[in-house]
C-alpha atoms as a PDB file:
ATOM      1  CA  MET A   1      24.341   0.350 -17.044  1.00  0.00           C
ATOM      2  CA  ARG A   2      23.608  -1.062 -13.583  1.00  0.00           C
ATOM      3  CA  PHE A   3      21.026   0.678 -11.377  1.00  0.00           C
ATOM      4  CA  LYS A   4      20.998   0.744  -7.592  1.00  0.00           C
ATOM      5  CA  ARG A   5      18.315  -1.382  -5.894  1.00  0.00           C
ATOM      6  CA  ILE A   6      17.158  -0.817  -2.295  1.00  0.00           C
ATOM      7  CA  ASN A   7      14.686  -3.218  -0.649  1.00  0.00           C
ATOM      8  CA  PHE A   8      11.856  -1.779   1.441  1.00  0.00           C
ATOM      9  CA  THR A   9      12.590  -2.040   5.184  1.00  0.00           C
ATOM     10  CA  GLY A  10      10.980  -1.125   8.511  1.00  0.00           C
ATOM     11  CA  ASP A  11       7.970   1.183   8.229  1.00  0.00           C
ATOM     12  CA  MET A  12       8.226   1.016   4.439  1.00  0.00           C
ATOM     13  CA  VAL A  13       6.973  -2.571   4.795  1.00  0.00           C
ATOM     14  CA  TYR A  14       4.369  -2.349   7.588  1.00  0.00           C
ATOM     15  CA  GLN A  15       2.147   0.510   8.769  1.00  0.00           C
ATOM     16  CA  TYR A  16      -1.108   0.640  10.723  1.00  0.00           C
ATOM     17  CA  ARG A  17      -3.665   3.069  12.054  1.00  0.00           C
ATOM     18  CA  GLU A  18      -6.359   2.835  14.676  1.00  0.00           C
ATOM     19  CA  LEU A  19      -9.674   4.196  13.414  1.00  0.00           C
ATOM     20  CA  GLY A  20     -12.479   4.948  15.832  1.00  0.00           C
ATOM     21  CA  PRO A  21     -16.189   4.802  15.023  1.00  0.00           C
ATOM     22  CA  GLY A  22     -16.960   6.798  11.885  1.00  0.00           C
ATOM     23  CA  GLU A  23     -13.307   7.749  11.316  1.00  0.00           C
ATOM     24  CA  SER A  24     -11.212   7.598   8.170  1.00  0.00           C
ATOM     25  CA  GLY A  25      -7.546   8.285   7.542  1.00  0.00           C
ATOM     26  CA  ARG A  26      -4.321   7.296   5.891  1.00  0.00           C
ATOM     27  CA  VAL A  27      -3.222   3.816   6.988  1.00  0.00           C
ATOM     28  CA  TYR A  28      -0.121   3.468   4.798  1.00  0.00           C
ATOM     29  CA  ARG A  29       2.100   5.839   2.821  1.00  0.00           C
ATOM     30  CA  LEU A  30       5.294   5.169   0.903  1.00  0.00           C
ATOM     31  CA  LYS A  31       7.106   8.143  -0.634  1.00  0.00           C
ATOM     32  CA  VAL A  32       9.359   7.293  -3.562  1.00  0.00           C
ATOM     33  CA  PRO A  33      12.711   9.095  -3.315  1.00  0.00           C
ATOM     34  CA  SER A  34      13.727  11.394  -6.157  1.00  0.00           C
ATOM     35  CA  GLY A  35      15.617   9.527  -8.875  1.00  0.00           C
ATOM     36  CA  PHE A  36      13.978   6.186  -8.025  1.00  0.00           C
ATOM     37  CA  LEU A  37      10.953   4.104  -8.955  1.00  0.00           C
ATOM     38  CA  ALA A  38       9.221   1.786  -6.485  1.00  0.00           C
ATOM     39  CA  ALA A  39       8.478  -1.807  -7.467  1.00  0.00           C
ATOM     40  CA  ILE A  40       5.573  -3.246  -5.459  1.00  0.00           C
ATOM     41  CA  GLN A  41       5.915  -7.028  -5.347  1.00  0.00           C
ATOM     42  CA  LYS A  42       3.634  -8.171  -2.503  1.00  0.00           C
ATOM     43  CA  VAL A  43       0.696  -6.678  -0.578  1.00  0.00           C
ATOM     44  CA  ALA A  44      -1.292  -7.774   2.466  1.00  0.00           C
ATOM     45  CA  ASN A  45      -3.887  -6.044   4.621  1.00  0.00           C
ATOM     46  CA  ARG A  46      -6.015  -6.718   7.680  1.00  0.00           C
ATOM     47  CA  TYR A  47      -9.695  -7.083   6.916  1.00  0.00           C
ATOM     48  CA  TYR A  48     -12.490  -7.598   9.438  1.00  0.00           C
ATOM     49  CA  ALA A  49     -14.949  -9.661   7.402  1.00  0.00           C
ATOM     50  CA  THR A  50     -17.580 -10.320  10.069  1.00  0.00           C
ATOM     51  CA  GLN A  51     -16.857  -8.019  12.994  1.00  0.00           C
ATOM     52  CA  GLY A  52     -16.306  -4.864  10.954  1.00  0.00           C
ATOM     53  CA  ALA A  53     -18.854  -5.073   8.187  1.00  0.00           C
ATOM     54  CA  GLY A  54     -18.541  -1.871   6.196  1.00  0.00           C
ATOM     55  CA  ILE A  55     -14.828  -1.238   6.802  1.00  0.00           C
ATOM     56  CA  TYR A  56     -12.903  -0.645   3.584  1.00  0.00           C
ATOM     57  CA  TYR A  57      -9.660   0.655   2.070  1.00  0.00           C
ATOM     58  CA  ARG A  58      -8.832   2.826  -0.932  1.00  0.00           C
ATOM     59  CA  TRP A  59      -5.468   2.129  -2.587  1.00  0.00           C
ATOM     60  CA  THR A  60      -3.698   4.634  -4.829  1.00  0.00           C
ATOM     61  CA  ILE A  61      -0.410   4.641  -6.708  1.00  0.00           C
ATOM     62  CA  ASP A  62       0.776   8.074  -7.847  1.00  0.00           C
ATOM     63  CA  GLY A  63      -2.684   9.470  -7.070  1.00  0.00           C
ATOM     64  CA  VAL A  64      -4.485   6.944  -9.295  1.00  0.00           C
ATOM     65  CA  GLN A  65      -6.843   4.453  -7.660  1.00  0.00           C
ATOM     66  CA  VAL A  66      -5.662   0.873  -8.008  1.00  0.00           C
ATOM     67  CA  GLU A  67      -8.914  -0.402  -6.614  1.00  0.00           C
ATOM     68  CA  ASP A  68     -11.907   1.496  -5.275  1.00  0.00           C
ATOM     69  CA  LYS A  69     -13.513   0.456  -2.001  1.00  0.00           C
ATOM     70  CA  ILE A  70     -11.531  -2.655  -1.098  1.00  0.00           C
ATOM     71  CA  GLU A  71     -13.827  -4.700   1.138  1.00  0.00           C
ATOM     72  CA  ARG A  72     -11.680  -7.831   1.290  1.00  0.00           C
ATOM     73  CA  ARG A  73      -8.280  -9.125   2.254  1.00  0.00           C
ATOM     74  CA  ILE A  74      -5.788  -8.492  -0.552  1.00  0.00           C
ATOM     75  CA  GLY A  75      -3.416 -11.020   0.995  1.00  0.00           C
ATOM     76  CA  ASN A  76      -2.707 -12.188   4.514  1.00  0.00           C
ATOM     77  CA  PHE A  77       0.434 -11.295   6.432  1.00  0.00           C
ATOM     78  CA  TYR A  78       1.881 -14.815   6.160  1.00  0.00           C
ATOM     79  CA  SER A  79       1.096 -15.125   2.452  1.00  0.00           C
ATOM     80  CA  PRO A  80       0.772 -11.713   0.788  1.00  0.00           C
ATOM     81  CA  THR A  81      -0.589 -11.414  -2.744  1.00  0.00           C
ATOM     82  CA  GLU A  82       2.259 -11.318  -5.265  1.00  0.00           C
ATOM     83  CA  PHE A  83       2.393  -9.064  -8.314  1.00  0.00           C
ATOM     84  CA  ASP A  84       4.502 -10.438 -11.154  1.00  0.00           C
ATOM     85  CA  PRO A  85       5.421  -8.252 -12.883  1.00  0.00           C
ATOM     86  CA  PRO A  86       5.500  -5.761 -10.007  1.00  0.00           C
ATOM     87  CA  LEU A  87       3.334  -2.655  -9.842  1.00  0.00           C
ATOM     88  CA  TRP A  88       5.416   0.522 -10.347  1.00  0.00           C
ATOM     89  CA  ALA A  89       5.175   3.879  -8.567  1.00  0.00           C
ATOM     90  CA  LYS A  90       6.918   7.137  -9.456  1.00  0.00           C
ATOM     91  CA  SER A  91       5.985   9.252  -6.435  1.00  0.00           C
ATOM     92  CA  GLU A  92       3.907   7.491  -3.741  1.00  0.00           C
ATOM     93  CA  VAL A  93       1.726   4.599  -2.666  1.00  0.00           C
ATOM     94  CA  GLU A  94      -1.143   5.188  -0.232  1.00  0.00           C
ATOM     95  CA  PHE A  95      -3.878   3.221   1.485  1.00  0.00           C
ATOM     96  CA  TYR A  96      -6.720   5.049   3.221  1.00  0.00           C
ATOM     97  CA  GLY A  97      -9.030   3.302   5.632  1.00  0.00           C
ATOM     98  CA  TYR A  98     -12.704   3.974   6.347  1.00  0.00           C
ATOM     99  CA  ASN A  99     -14.520   2.757   9.444  1.00  0.00           C
ATOM    100  CA  PRO A 100     -18.261   3.474   9.308  1.00  0.00           C
ATOM    101  CA  THR A 101     -18.927   1.118  12.249  1.00  0.00           C
ATOM    102  CA  VAL A 102     -19.601   1.930  15.905  1.00  0.00           C
ATOM    103  CA  ALA A 103     -16.422   0.158  17.109  1.00  0.00           C
ATOM    104  CA  THR A 104     -12.696   0.970  16.968  1.00  0.00           C
ATOM    105  CA  TYR A 105     -10.499  -1.106  14.649  1.00  0.00           C
ATOM    106  CA  ILE A 106      -6.805  -1.255  13.778  1.00  0.00           C
ATOM    107  CA  LEU A 107      -6.264  -1.269  10.018  1.00  0.00           C
ATOM    108  CA  GLU A 108      -2.937  -2.627   8.764  1.00  0.00           C
ATOM    109  CA  VAL A 109      -1.065  -2.773   5.464  1.00  0.00           C
ATOM    110  CA  GLN A 110       2.082  -4.703   4.587  1.00  0.00           C
ATOM    111  CA  LEU A 111       3.874  -3.990   1.323  1.00  0.00           C
ATOM    112  CA  TYR A 112       7.056  -5.620  -0.010  1.00  0.00           C
ATOM    113  CA  GLY A 113       9.203  -4.386  -2.848  1.00  0.00           C
ATOM    114  CA  TYR A 114      12.201  -2.258  -3.686  1.00  0.00           C
ATOM    115  CA  PHE A 115      13.347   1.104  -5.003  1.00  0.00           C
ATOM    116  CA  LEU A 116      15.168   1.092  -8.328  1.00  0.00           C
ATOM    117  CA  GLU A 117      17.445   3.987  -9.234  1.00  0.00           C
ATOM    118  CA  VAL A 118      16.422   5.406 -12.592  1.00  0.00           C
ATOM    119  CA  PRO A 119      17.085   8.886 -13.942  1.00  0.00           C
ATOM    120  CA  LYS A 120      13.657  10.615 -14.055  1.00  0.00           C
ATOM    121  CA  GLU A 121      14.029  11.565 -17.725  1.00  0.00           C
ATOM    122  CA  GLU A 122      14.429   7.854 -18.575  1.00  0.00           C
ATOM    123  CA  ALA A 123      11.601   6.606 -16.362  1.00  0.00           C
ATOM    124  CA  VAL A 124       8.620   5.412 -18.332  1.00  0.00           C
ATOM    125  CA  VAL A 125       5.889   3.785 -16.296  1.00  0.00           C
ATOM    126  CA  GLY A 126       2.519   2.924 -17.732  1.00  0.00           C
END
């Protein structure tokens, strides 16, 4: 049986959010359509190593933290970190940003992958 595959496009790939001093909020969100799984193949984010000391991300897949308090660049936009095999999501992928500094910063996330059509009763992701 052949399943439909749809590559991420547009705002499924790149999202950003401006966070003012002391602000936090969702920087990236990908909702997985019903009847599909999401394969996450590559990830990149903007990280302010020197200017924004203290800025960090939290990354979740299906409500489970992938990594707590990410205070580094996962991958850069010209060479994102690859996941082989891909990371799988059943419902959503989210990145939240936290800016405890006294300046405003733009936090960015880039995520490449695809949706794979799979009947929910057959989907097993671990």
